[in-house]
Amino acid sequence: MIKLKQISDAGSAAALDAGTSAGDLVQLDSQGRLPAVDGSLITGLSGGGSGGTSIRPVVSADITTAAYQIGASLDCGSVIVVNNSSSVTRDVYLPAANSYSAGFYLFVARDGGTAYPATLKPYPSSSDTINRSVASVTLGAYDCQKLVTDGSSTWILISQGRF
């Protein structure tokens, strides 16, 4: 048997035990999965897997009037799926940027619906902007926007794409 002190470049992690107690290295099970542990401090994970639950809350919004206001009681990372089934462009208003702390983010996605887009706009009764100057962003079919607030008056467009 080789003793740890005989290996000069083993690193400090080599001296730790595998397990699920404080200070242990987490070891995957025989199928490559994490053991059941408290994951409340884990960040930066995206949804996936077959557990049947979604990490991010999803809000579905059928726009049937000229304007739709996204509610101000969302969880960070919420996904708002907009369905514009009308034959005209509809406006979708973001919550006030100061409704949330700086760093709060959400996704706004548009399903296929009709060929008519939805226009994403800042909160109507505020001086909020998107990217400090843009008054609106067009959401075409299957477009998705990730926006983060500065906690004051701006929604910053972090990424955009299609799903």
N, C-alpha and C. Protein backbone atom coordinates (compact mmCIF):
# COMPACT_ATOMS: atom_id res chain seq x y z
N MET A 1 0.83 -1.16 0.00
CA MET A 1 0.00 0.00 0.00
C MET A 1 0.89 1.24 0.00
N ILE A 2 0.52 2.21 -0.82
CA ILE A 2 1.25 3.47 -0.88
C ILE A 2 0.59 4.45 0.08
N LYS A 3 1.35 5.07 0.90
CA LYS A 3 0.83 6.05 1.84
C LYS A 3 0.76 7.41 1.15
N LEU A 4 -0.23 8.22 1.55
CA LEU A 4 -0.45 9.52 0.95
C LEU A 4 0.81 10.38 0.99
N LYS A 5 1.53 10.37 2.09
CA LYS A 5 2.72 11.22 2.19
C LYS A 5 3.83 10.79 1.24
N GLN A 6 3.70 9.59 0.63
CA GLN A 6 4.69 9.14 -0.34
C GLN A 6 4.42 9.71 -1.74
N ILE A 7 3.23 10.29 -1.93
CA ILE A 7 2.88 10.89 -3.22
C ILE A 7 3.02 12.40 -3.08
N SER A 8 4.00 12.96 -3.78
CA SER A 8 4.32 14.37 -3.57
C SER A 8 3.31 15.34 -4.18
N ASP A 9 2.62 14.95 -5.23
CA ASP A 9 1.72 15.89 -5.89
C ASP A 9 0.26 15.47 -5.80
N ALA A 10 -0.13 14.79 -4.73
CA ALA A 10 -1.50 14.31 -4.59
C ALA A 10 -2.49 15.44 -4.38
N GLY A 11 -2.08 16.56 -3.83
CA GLY A 11 -3.00 17.67 -3.59
C GLY A 11 -3.76 17.49 -2.29
N SER A 12 -4.34 18.56 -1.80
CA SER A 12 -5.02 18.50 -0.51
C SER A 12 -6.31 17.70 -0.55
N ALA A 13 -6.96 17.58 -1.70
CA ALA A 13 -8.22 16.83 -1.79
C ALA A 13 -8.00 15.34 -1.57
N ALA A 14 -6.81 14.86 -1.84
CA ALA A 14 -6.52 13.43 -1.67
C ALA A 14 -6.59 13.00 -0.22
N ALA A 15 -6.49 13.95 0.69
CA ALA A 15 -6.52 13.62 2.11
C ALA A 15 -7.94 13.61 2.68
N LEU A 16 -8.94 13.94 1.86
CA LEU A 16 -10.32 13.99 2.32
C LEU A 16 -11.02 12.66 2.12
N ASP A 17 -12.02 12.41 2.96
CA ASP A 17 -12.85 11.21 2.82
C ASP A 17 -13.97 11.47 1.83
N ALA A 18 -14.43 10.42 1.17
CA ALA A 18 -15.61 10.51 0.31
C ALA A 18 -16.83 10.24 1.18
N GLY A 19 -17.90 10.97 0.91
CA GLY A 19 -19.12 10.77 1.67
C GLY A 19 -20.05 11.96 1.54
N THR A 20 -21.00 12.06 2.45
CA THR A 20 -21.96 13.16 2.39
C THR A 20 -21.97 14.00 3.67
N SER A 21 -20.95 13.85 4.50
CA SER A 21 -20.85 14.66 5.71
C SER A 21 -20.08 15.94 5.42
N ALA A 22 -20.18 16.90 6.32
CA ALA A 22 -19.46 18.16 6.15
C ALA A 22 -17.97 17.90 5.99
N GLY A 23 -17.34 18.52 4.99
CA GLY A 23 -15.92 18.36 4.76
C GLY A 23 -15.55 17.19 3.87
N ASP A 24 -16.52 16.33 3.55
CA ASP A 24 -16.25 15.18 2.68
C ASP A 24 -16.32 15.59 1.21
N LEU A 25 -15.64 14.84 0.37
CA LEU A 25 -15.81 14.97 -1.07
C LEU A 25 -17.03 14.16 -1.47
N VAL A 26 -17.89 14.74 -2.28
CA VAL A 26 -19.09 14.02 -2.72
C VAL A 26 -18.68 13.01 -3.78
N GLN A 27 -19.16 11.80 -3.63
CA GLN A 27 -18.82 10.73 -4.57
C GLN A 27 -20.08 10.32 -5.32
N LEU A 28 -19.97 10.19 -6.66
CA LEU A 28 -21.10 9.76 -7.46
C LEU A 28 -21.42 8.29 -7.18
N ASP A 29 -22.70 7.94 -7.37
CA ASP A 29 -23.07 6.54 -7.18
C ASP A 29 -22.66 5.73 -8.41
N SER A 30 -23.01 4.47 -8.44
CA SER A 30 -22.57 3.57 -9.52
C SER A 30 -23.16 3.95 -10.89
N GLN A 31 -24.22 4.78 -10.88
CA GLN A 31 -24.81 5.22 -12.15
C GLN A 31 -24.42 6.66 -12.50
N GLY A 32 -23.44 7.21 -11.79
CA GLY A 32 -22.94 8.54 -12.10
C GLY A 32 -23.81 9.67 -11.57
N ARG A 33 -24.67 9.40 -10.60
CA ARG A 33 -25.55 10.42 -10.04
C ARG A 33 -25.03 10.88 -8.68
N LEU A 34 -25.40 12.11 -8.33
CA LEU A 34 -25.06 12.64 -7.02
C LEU A 34 -25.93 11.97 -5.96
N PRO A 35 -25.39 11.76 -4.77
CA PRO A 35 -26.22 11.22 -3.69
C PRO A 35 -27.21 12.30 -3.22
N ALA A 36 -28.22 11.90 -2.47
CA ALA A 36 -29.19 12.85 -1.94
C ALA A 36 -28.53 13.68 -0.84
N VAL A 37 -28.33 14.95 -1.12
CA VAL A 37 -27.73 15.88 -0.16
C VAL A 37 -28.51 17.19 -0.22
N ASP A 38 -28.35 18.03 0.77
CA ASP A 38 -28.97 19.35 0.75
C ASP A 38 -28.27 20.19 -0.31
N GLY A 39 -29.00 20.57 -1.35
CA GLY A 39 -28.42 21.33 -2.45
C GLY A 39 -28.83 22.79 -2.44
N SER A 40 -29.26 23.31 -1.31
CA SER A 40 -29.79 24.67 -1.26
C SER A 40 -28.75 25.74 -1.59
N LEU A 41 -27.47 25.44 -1.50
CA LEU A 41 -26.44 26.43 -1.79
C LEU A 41 -25.83 26.26 -3.18
N ILE A 42 -26.32 25.30 -3.95
CA ILE A 42 -25.80 25.08 -5.30
C ILE A 42 -26.36 26.15 -6.22
N THR A 43 -25.52 26.74 -7.05
CA THR A 43 -25.95 27.76 -8.00
C THR A 43 -25.42 27.41 -9.38
N GLY A 44 -26.00 28.04 -10.39
CA GLY A 44 -25.49 27.92 -11.75
C GLY A 44 -25.91 26.66 -12.48
N LEU A 45 -26.93 25.97 -12.01
CA LEU A 45 -27.38 24.77 -12.70
C LEU A 45 -28.50 25.11 -13.66
N SER A 46 -28.54 24.44 -14.79
CA SER A 46 -29.67 24.61 -15.70
C SER A 46 -30.56 23.39 -15.57
N GLY A 47 -31.78 23.52 -16.02
CA GLY A 47 -32.74 22.42 -15.91
C GLY A 47 -32.31 21.22 -16.72
N GLY A 48 -32.93 20.11 -16.48
CA GLY A 48 -32.61 18.92 -17.23
C GLY A 48 -32.92 17.69 -16.44
N GLY A 49 -32.55 16.56 -16.98
CA GLY A 49 -32.81 15.32 -16.28
C GLY A 49 -34.23 14.85 -16.49
N SER A 50 -34.58 13.77 -15.83
CA SER A 50 -35.91 13.20 -16.00
C SER A 50 -36.66 13.13 -14.68
N GLY A 51 -36.33 14.01 -13.77
CA GLY A 51 -36.95 13.99 -12.47
C GLY A 51 -38.40 14.43 -12.47
N GLY A 52 -38.87 15.04 -13.58
CA GLY A 52 -40.26 15.43 -13.66
C GLY A 52 -40.53 16.80 -13.07
N THR A 53 -39.53 17.47 -12.55
CA THR A 53 -39.75 18.81 -12.02
C THR A 53 -38.84 19.77 -12.74
N SER A 54 -39.23 21.02 -12.76
CA SER A 54 -38.46 22.06 -13.43
C SER A 54 -37.76 22.92 -12.40
N ILE A 55 -36.53 23.28 -12.66
CA ILE A 55 -35.80 24.14 -11.75
C ILE A 55 -36.35 25.56 -11.83
N ARG A 56 -36.70 26.01 -13.00
CA ARG A 56 -37.19 27.36 -13.18
C ARG A 56 -38.72 27.36 -13.30
N PRO A 57 -39.39 28.26 -12.55
CA PRO A 57 -40.84 28.37 -12.70
C PRO A 57 -41.19 28.88 -14.10
N VAL A 58 -42.24 28.35 -14.69
CA VAL A 58 -42.67 28.76 -16.01
C VAL A 58 -44.05 29.40 -15.90
N VAL A 59 -44.19 30.58 -16.50
CA VAL A 59 -45.45 31.30 -16.54
C VAL A 59 -45.88 31.36 -17.99
N SER A 60 -47.06 30.85 -18.31
CA SER A 60 -47.57 30.90 -19.67
C SER A 60 -48.54 32.06 -19.79
N ALA A 61 -48.37 32.89 -20.81
CA ALA A 61 -49.20 34.08 -20.97
C ALA A 61 -49.82 34.11 -22.35
N ASP A 62 -51.12 33.91 -22.42
CA ASP A 62 -51.84 34.07 -23.68
C ASP A 62 -52.25 35.53 -23.79
N ILE A 63 -51.73 36.21 -24.78
CA ILE A 63 -52.02 37.63 -24.94
C ILE A 63 -53.31 37.77 -25.74
N THR A 64 -54.34 38.22 -25.08
CA THR A 64 -55.62 38.39 -25.76
C THR A 64 -56.03 39.86 -25.83
N THR A 65 -55.28 40.73 -25.18
CA THR A 65 -55.55 42.16 -25.23
C THR A 65 -54.34 42.86 -25.87
N ALA A 66 -54.48 44.15 -26.08
CA ALA A 66 -53.42 44.91 -26.76
C ALA A 66 -52.12 44.90 -26.00
N ALA A 67 -52.17 44.76 -24.65
CA ALA A 67 -50.95 44.79 -23.85
C ALA A 67 -51.05 43.75 -22.73
N TYR A 68 -49.90 43.18 -22.38
CA TYR A 68 -49.82 42.21 -21.29
C TYR A 68 -48.73 42.66 -20.33
N GLN A 69 -49.06 42.75 -19.05
CA GLN A 69 -48.10 43.15 -18.03
C GLN A 69 -47.57 41.91 -17.33
N ILE A 70 -46.26 41.67 -17.38
CA ILE A 70 -45.66 40.56 -16.64
C ILE A 70 -45.72 40.92 -15.16
N GLY A 71 -46.22 40.02 -14.35
CA GLY A 71 -46.38 40.28 -12.92
C GLY A 71 -45.05 40.53 -12.22
N ALA A 72 -45.14 41.16 -11.06
CA ALA A 72 -43.93 41.54 -10.32
C ALA A 72 -43.66 40.60 -9.15
N SER A 73 -44.20 39.40 -9.18
CA SER A 73 -43.95 38.45 -8.09
C SER A 73 -43.36 37.17 -8.66
N LEU A 74 -42.27 37.31 -9.39
CA LEU A 74 -41.63 36.17 -10.04
C LEU A 74 -40.44 35.70 -9.22
N ASP A 75 -40.07 34.44 -9.42
CA ASP A 75 -38.84 33.91 -8.85
C ASP A 75 -37.71 34.20 -9.83
N CYS A 76 -36.52 34.38 -9.30
CA CYS A 76 -35.36 34.59 -10.15
C CYS A 76 -35.20 33.40 -11.08
N GLY A 77 -34.99 33.67 -12.35
CA GLY A 77 -34.84 32.61 -13.34
C GLY A 77 -36.16 32.15 -13.94
N SER A 78 -37.26 32.82 -13.61
CA SER A 78 -38.56 32.45 -14.18
C SER A 78 -38.53 32.53 -15.69
N VAL A 79 -39.33 31.69 -16.31
CA VAL A 79 -39.48 31.69 -17.76
C VAL A 79 -40.90 32.11 -18.08
N ILE A 80 -41.06 33.19 -18.81
CA ILE A 80 -42.38 33.66 -19.21
C ILE A 80 -42.54 33.30 -20.68
N VAL A 81 -43.49 32.44 -20.99
CA VAL A 81 -43.73 32.02 -22.38
C VAL A 81 -44.94 32.79 -22.88
N VAL A 82 -44.72 33.60 -23.90
CA VAL A 82 -45.76 34.46 -24.45
C VAL A 82 -46.36 33.81 -25.69
N ASN A 83 -47.68 33.76 -25.74
CA ASN A 83 -48.39 33.23 -26.90
C ASN A 83 -49.20 34.35 -27.52
N ASN A 84 -48.77 34.82 -28.67
CA ASN A 84 -49.53 35.84 -29.38
C ASN A 84 -50.32 35.15 -30.48
N SER A 85 -51.55 34.79 -30.16
CA SER A 85 -52.39 34.08 -31.14
C SER A 85 -53.26 35.05 -31.93
N SER A 86 -53.05 36.35 -31.73
CA SER A 86 -53.86 37.33 -32.45
C SER A 86 -53.26 37.62 -33.82
N SER A 87 -53.96 38.45 -34.56
CA SER A 87 -53.49 38.80 -35.91
C SER A 87 -52.87 40.19 -35.94
N VAL A 88 -52.43 40.67 -34.78
CA VAL A 88 -51.72 41.96 -34.69
C VAL A 88 -50.57 41.82 -33.70
N THR A 89 -49.60 42.74 -33.78
CA THR A 89 -48.50 42.76 -32.83
C THR A 89 -49.03 43.17 -31.47
N ARG A 90 -48.59 42.49 -30.41
CA ARG A 90 -49.02 42.81 -29.05
C ARG A 90 -47.82 43.27 -28.22
N ASP A 91 -48.09 44.15 -27.24
CA ASP A 91 -47.05 44.64 -26.34
C ASP A 91 -47.00 43.81 -25.07
N VAL A 92 -45.77 43.47 -24.64
CA VAL A 92 -45.55 42.74 -23.39
C VAL A 92 -44.66 43.63 -22.53
N TYR A 93 -45.16 44.01 -21.34
CA TYR A 93 -44.43 44.94 -20.47
C TYR A 93 -43.71 44.19 -19.36
N LEU A 94 -42.43 44.51 -19.21
CA LEU A 94 -41.62 43.96 -18.12
C LEU A 94 -42.06 44.57 -16.79
N PRO A 95 -41.82 43.88 -15.67
CA PRO A 95 -42.06 44.53 -14.38
C PRO A 95 -41.08 45.68 -14.20
N ALA A 96 -41.38 46.60 -13.30
CA ALA A 96 -40.46 47.70 -13.02
C ALA A 96 -39.12 47.12 -12.60
N ALA A 97 -38.03 47.67 -13.15
CA ALA A 97 -36.69 47.16 -12.86
C ALA A 97 -36.36 47.24 -11.37
N ASN A 98 -36.93 48.21 -10.67
CA ASN A 98 -36.64 48.34 -9.23
C ASN A 98 -37.54 47.45 -8.37
N SER A 99 -38.35 46.60 -9.00
CA SER A 99 -39.16 45.63 -8.25
C SER A 99 -38.30 44.50 -7.69
N TYR A 100 -37.09 44.36 -8.20
CA TYR A 100 -36.20 43.28 -7.84
C TYR A 100 -34.81 43.82 -7.54
N SER A 101 -34.02 43.04 -6.83
CA SER A 101 -32.64 43.40 -6.53
C SER A 101 -31.78 43.27 -7.78
N ALA A 102 -30.68 44.00 -7.80
CA ALA A 102 -29.74 43.90 -8.91
C ALA A 102 -29.29 42.45 -9.06
N GLY A 103 -29.24 41.99 -10.30
CA GLY A 103 -28.83 40.62 -10.57
C GLY A 103 -29.99 39.68 -10.80
N PHE A 104 -31.21 40.08 -10.44
CA PHE A 104 -32.38 39.25 -10.70
C PHE A 104 -32.54 39.10 -12.21
N TYR A 105 -32.80 37.89 -12.66
CA TYR A 105 -32.96 37.69 -14.10
C TYR A 105 -34.20 36.88 -14.41
N LEU A 106 -34.67 37.02 -15.63
CA LEU A 106 -35.80 36.25 -16.11
C LEU A 106 -35.63 36.00 -17.60
N PHE A 107 -36.39 35.05 -18.08
CA PHE A 107 -36.39 34.73 -19.51
C PHE A 107 -37.77 35.04 -20.05
N VAL A 108 -37.83 35.66 -21.21
CA VAL A 108 -39.11 35.87 -21.89
C VAL A 108 -38.99 35.19 -23.23
N ALA A 109 -39.87 34.24 -23.48
CA ALA A 109 -39.83 33.46 -24.72
C ALA A 109 -41.17 33.59 -25.44
N ARG A 110 -41.15 33.45 -26.72
CA ARG A 110 -42.38 33.53 -27.51
C ARG A 110 -42.55 32.20 -28.22
N ASP A 111 -43.74 31.61 -28.06
CA ASP A 111 -43.99 30.35 -28.75
C ASP A 111 -44.26 30.63 -30.23
N GLY A 112 -44.57 29.60 -30.97
CA GLY A 112 -44.79 29.75 -32.40
C GLY A 112 -45.94 30.68 -32.72
N GLY A 113 -47.11 30.39 -32.14
CA GLY A 113 -48.28 31.25 -32.35
C GLY A 113 -48.48 31.62 -33.79
N THR A 114 -48.79 32.88 -34.02
CA THR A 114 -48.98 33.37 -35.38
C THR A 114 -47.71 34.05 -35.86
N ALA A 115 -47.75 34.55 -37.06
CA ALA A 115 -46.59 35.26 -37.61
C ALA A 115 -46.43 36.64 -36.98
N TYR A 116 -47.42 37.08 -36.22
CA TYR A 116 -47.35 38.42 -35.63
C TYR A 116 -46.52 38.40 -34.36
N PRO A 117 -45.54 39.29 -34.26
CA PRO A 117 -44.65 39.28 -33.10
C PRO A 117 -45.28 39.89 -31.86
N ALA A 118 -44.55 39.78 -30.78
CA ALA A 118 -44.87 40.50 -29.54
C ALA A 118 -43.72 41.46 -29.31
N THR A 119 -44.01 42.62 -28.78
CA THR A 119 -42.98 43.62 -28.53
C THR A 119 -42.75 43.71 -27.03
N LEU A 120 -41.53 43.43 -26.60
CA LEU A 120 -41.15 43.47 -25.19
C LEU A 120 -40.74 44.89 -24.84
N LYS A 121 -41.41 45.47 -23.81
CA LYS A 121 -41.16 46.86 -23.46
C LYS A 121 -40.94 47.02 -21.96
N PRO A 122 -40.27 48.11 -21.54
CA PRO A 122 -40.11 48.38 -20.12
C PRO A 122 -41.46 48.71 -19.47
N TYR A 123 -41.48 48.68 -18.14
CA TYR A 123 -42.68 48.99 -17.37
C TYR A 123 -43.26 50.33 -17.83
N PRO A 124 -44.57 50.40 -18.15
CA PRO A 124 -45.13 51.59 -18.79
C PRO A 124 -45.10 52.88 -17.96
N SER A 125 -45.25 52.81 -16.65
CA SER A 125 -45.31 54.05 -15.88
C SER A 125 -43.99 54.33 -15.17
N SER A 126 -42.88 54.08 -15.88
CA SER A 126 -41.57 54.31 -15.29
C SER A 126 -40.64 54.86 -16.37
N SER A 127 -39.44 55.20 -15.96
CA SER A 127 -38.44 55.64 -16.94
C SER A 127 -37.47 54.50 -17.24
N ASP A 128 -37.91 53.27 -17.00
CA ASP A 128 -37.07 52.10 -17.25
C ASP A 128 -36.70 52.01 -18.73
N THR A 129 -35.54 51.38 -18.97
CA THR A 129 -35.10 51.12 -20.33
C THR A 129 -34.61 49.68 -20.43
N ILE A 130 -34.38 49.25 -21.64
CA ILE A 130 -33.72 47.98 -21.92
C ILE A 130 -32.36 48.36 -22.49
N ASN A 131 -31.30 47.86 -21.87
CA ASN A 131 -29.92 48.20 -22.29
C ASN A 131 -29.65 49.71 -22.26
N ARG A 132 -30.25 50.38 -21.32
CA ARG A 132 -30.06 51.81 -21.05
C ARG A 132 -30.58 52.75 -22.12
N SER A 133 -31.04 52.24 -23.25
CA SER A 133 -31.53 53.15 -24.27
C SER A 133 -32.66 52.58 -25.11
N VAL A 134 -32.73 51.29 -25.24
CA VAL A 134 -33.71 50.68 -26.13
C VAL A 134 -35.10 50.76 -25.52
N ALA A 135 -36.06 51.16 -26.31
CA ALA A 135 -37.43 51.29 -25.82
C ALA A 135 -38.20 49.98 -25.95
N SER A 136 -37.77 49.09 -26.84
CA SER A 136 -38.48 47.82 -26.99
C SER A 136 -37.61 46.80 -27.72
N VAL A 137 -37.99 45.54 -27.57
CA VAL A 137 -37.32 44.43 -28.25
C VAL A 137 -38.42 43.57 -28.87
N THR A 138 -38.27 43.23 -30.14
CA THR A 138 -39.28 42.42 -30.81
C THR A 138 -39.04 40.95 -30.54
N LEU A 139 -40.11 40.25 -30.17
CA LEU A 139 -40.07 38.79 -29.96
C LEU A 139 -40.78 38.12 -31.12
N GLY A 140 -40.03 37.54 -32.03
CA GLY A 140 -40.63 36.78 -33.11
C GLY A 140 -40.92 35.36 -32.63
N ALA A 141 -41.50 34.56 -33.50
CA ALA A 141 -41.82 33.18 -33.14
C ALA A 141 -40.56 32.45 -32.68
N TYR A 142 -40.65 31.80 -31.53
CA TYR A 142 -39.59 30.98 -30.92
C TYR A 142 -38.39 31.78 -30.42
N ASP A 143 -38.48 33.11 -30.36
CA ASP A 143 -37.40 33.92 -29.79
C ASP A 143 -37.40 33.79 -28.28
N CYS A 144 -36.23 33.92 -27.68
CA CYS A 144 -36.10 33.88 -26.23
C CYS A 144 -35.07 34.94 -25.82
N GLN A 145 -35.41 35.73 -24.82
CA GLN A 145 -34.53 36.78 -24.32
C GLN A 145 -34.25 36.53 -22.84
N LYS A 146 -33.01 36.68 -22.42
CA LYS A 146 -32.66 36.63 -21.00
C LYS A 146 -32.32 38.06 -20.59
N LEU A 147 -33.04 38.55 -19.57
CA LEU A 147 -32.83 39.92 -19.10
C LEU A 147 -32.51 39.91 -17.62
N VAL A 148 -31.62 40.82 -17.22
CA VAL A 148 -31.25 40.96 -15.81
C VAL A 148 -31.45 42.43 -15.43
N THR A 149 -31.93 42.67 -14.22
CA THR A 149 -32.15 44.04 -13.78
C THR A 149 -30.95 44.58 -13.01
N ASP A 150 -30.78 45.88 -13.10
CA ASP A 150 -29.75 46.54 -12.29
C ASP A 150 -30.31 46.93 -10.93
N GLY A 151 -31.59 46.60 -10.68
CA GLY A 151 -32.23 46.91 -9.41
C GLY A 151 -32.71 48.34 -9.33
N SER A 152 -32.57 49.07 -10.43
CA SER A 152 -32.92 50.49 -10.41
C SER A 152 -33.87 50.85 -11.56
N SER A 153 -33.32 51.01 -12.76
CA SER A 153 -34.16 51.48 -13.87
C SER A 153 -33.84 50.83 -15.21
N THR A 154 -33.05 49.76 -15.20
CA THR A 154 -32.64 49.17 -16.47
C THR A 154 -32.77 47.65 -16.45
N TRP A 155 -33.34 47.11 -17.52
CA TRP A 155 -33.28 45.69 -17.81
C TRP A 155 -32.18 45.53 -18.84
N ILE A 156 -31.23 44.65 -18.57
CA ILE A 156 -30.10 44.46 -19.47
C ILE A 156 -30.30 43.14 -20.21
N LEU A 157 -30.25 43.23 -21.53
CA LEU A 157 -30.42 42.05 -22.37
C LEU A 157 -29.11 41.26 -22.35
N ILE A 158 -29.12 40.12 -21.69
CA ILE A 158 -27.91 39.31 -21.51
C ILE A 158 -27.70 38.39 -22.70
N SER A 159 -28.75 37.75 -23.15
CA SER A 159 -28.62 36.86 -24.30
C SER A 159 -29.95 36.76 -24.99
N GLN A 160 -29.87 36.42 -26.24
CA GLN A 160 -31.07 36.20 -27.03
C GLN A 160 -30.82 35.03 -27.96
N GLY A 161 -31.87 34.34 -28.26
CA GLY A 161 -31.74 33.19 -29.13
C GLY A 161 -33.09 32.63 -29.50
N ARG A 162 -33.10 31.42 -29.96
CA ARG A 162 -34.34 30.75 -30.36
C ARG A 162 -34.40 29.40 -29.67
N PHE A 163 -35.60 28.94 -29.42
CA PHE A 163 -35.75 27.62 -28.82
C PHE A 163 -36.57 26.73 -29.69
